[in-house]
Protein backbone atom coordinates (compact mmCIF):
# COMPACT_ATOMS: atom_id res chain seq x y z
CA ARG A 1 -16.40 -13.31 -1.54
CA THR A 2 -17.27 -15.28 -5.18
CA SER A 3 -19.29 -17.69 -5.66
CA ARG A 4 -16.72 -19.85 -7.38
CA SER A 5 -14.74 -22.32 -5.41
CA ILE A 6 -11.60 -24.59 -5.60
CA LEU A 7 -13.55 -27.22 -4.66
CA ALA A 8 -16.60 -26.82 -6.34
CA SER A 9 -16.54 -29.18 -9.11
CA ARG A 10 -15.42 -32.29 -6.34
CA PHE A 11 -17.76 -31.60 -4.24
CA TRP A 12 -21.01 -31.11 -3.21
CA ASP A 13 -20.89 -28.22 -0.32
CA PRO A 14 -17.68 -27.19 -0.44
CA PRO A 15 -16.27 -24.16 1.85
CA SER A 16 -16.96 -20.84 0.38
CA LEU A 17 -13.30 -19.58 -0.69
CA PRO A 18 -12.50 -17.61 -3.41
CA LEU A 19 -9.86 -18.40 -6.01
CA ALA A 20 -7.11 -16.78 -6.04
CA ARG A 21 -7.45 -15.15 -9.54
CA ASP A 22 -10.62 -13.57 -8.18
CA ILE A 23 -8.85 -11.86 -5.22
CA LEU A 24 -6.04 -10.66 -7.83
CA GLU A 25 -8.30 -9.05 -10.15
CA ARG A 26 -10.29 -7.49 -7.47
CA ALA A 27 -6.80 -6.11 -6.01
CA LEU A 28 -6.19 -4.69 -9.57
CA ASP A 29 -8.78 -2.27 -8.80
CA VAL A 30 -7.22 -0.42 -6.26
CA GLU A 31 -4.78 2.12 -6.55
CA ALA A 32 -1.97 0.99 -5.47
CA ASP A 33 2.16 0.38 -6.46
CA TYR A 34 2.30 -2.79 -5.57
CA ILE A 35 -0.37 -5.70 -4.65
CA VAL A 36 0.85 -7.65 -1.37
CA LEU A 37 -1.29 -11.23 -0.96
CA THR A 38 -0.59 -12.75 2.54
CA LEU A 39 -1.71 -16.17 3.59
CA ALA A 40 -3.94 -16.10 7.40
CA ASP A 41 -2.19 -19.10 8.79
CA VAL A 42 1.58 -17.66 7.94
CA SER A 43 3.03 -15.74 11.20
CA LEU A 44 5.26 -12.92 10.00
CA MET A 45 8.06 -10.86 11.55
CA PRO A 46 7.23 -7.83 13.20
CA ASN A 47 9.14 -6.16 10.35
CA PHE A 48 7.99 -8.12 7.01
CA TYR A 49 5.97 -5.91 5.36
CA GLU A 50 8.70 -2.91 5.46
CA ASP A 51 11.45 -5.45 4.31
CA VAL A 52 9.35 -6.60 1.20
CA LEU A 53 8.48 -2.60 0.10
CA GLY A 54 12.24 -2.30 1.01
CA LEU A 55 13.19 -5.11 -1.85
CA LEU A 56 10.47 -3.64 -3.85
CA GLN A 57 11.88 -0.54 -4.21
CA SER A 58 15.93 -1.08 -4.45
CA SER A 59 17.38 -0.77 -7.33
CA GLY A 60 16.97 -3.12 -9.89
CA ALA A 61 14.33 -4.85 -7.93
CA SER A 62 12.02 -7.02 -10.02
CA PRO A 63 8.54 -6.18 -10.82
CA ALA A 64 7.10 -9.07 -8.47
CA LEU A 65 8.64 -11.20 -5.70
CA SER A 66 7.42 -14.79 -4.43
CA ILE A 67 8.82 -15.70 -0.67
CA HIS A 68 8.23 -18.75 0.62
CA ARG A 69 7.46 -19.63 4.47
CA VAL A 70 11.25 -21.31 6.51
CA ASP A 71 10.82 -23.21 9.67
CA VAL A 72 12.57 -20.95 12.30
CA TYR A 73 13.10 -23.46 15.14
CA GLY A 74 14.28 -21.63 18.41
CA TRP A 75 12.75 -18.28 17.21
CA GLU A 76 11.61 -17.61 20.51
CA GLY A 77 14.93 -16.13 21.25
CA LEU A 78 14.73 -13.65 17.68
CA LEU A 79 11.96 -11.59 18.69
CA PRO A 80 12.61 -8.58 21.20
CA GLN A 81 11.17 -8.94 25.36
């Protein structure tokens, strides 16, 4: 983890959370075609990463995607039993 923190300038005892910039700088050191940043508190559908890869690889796709959360009510019926 980095010693920098989002809250370091406002509080005396901030949590030890890295800045998004620090995470992305480290990701650039990895040899990969794509970088995916997913927050830990987000629950994804089982095929999420495959679907994202399909979007990225499709013709005419943007080199970057921003995917936002959608609340799905009654989601229990969407998952296979």
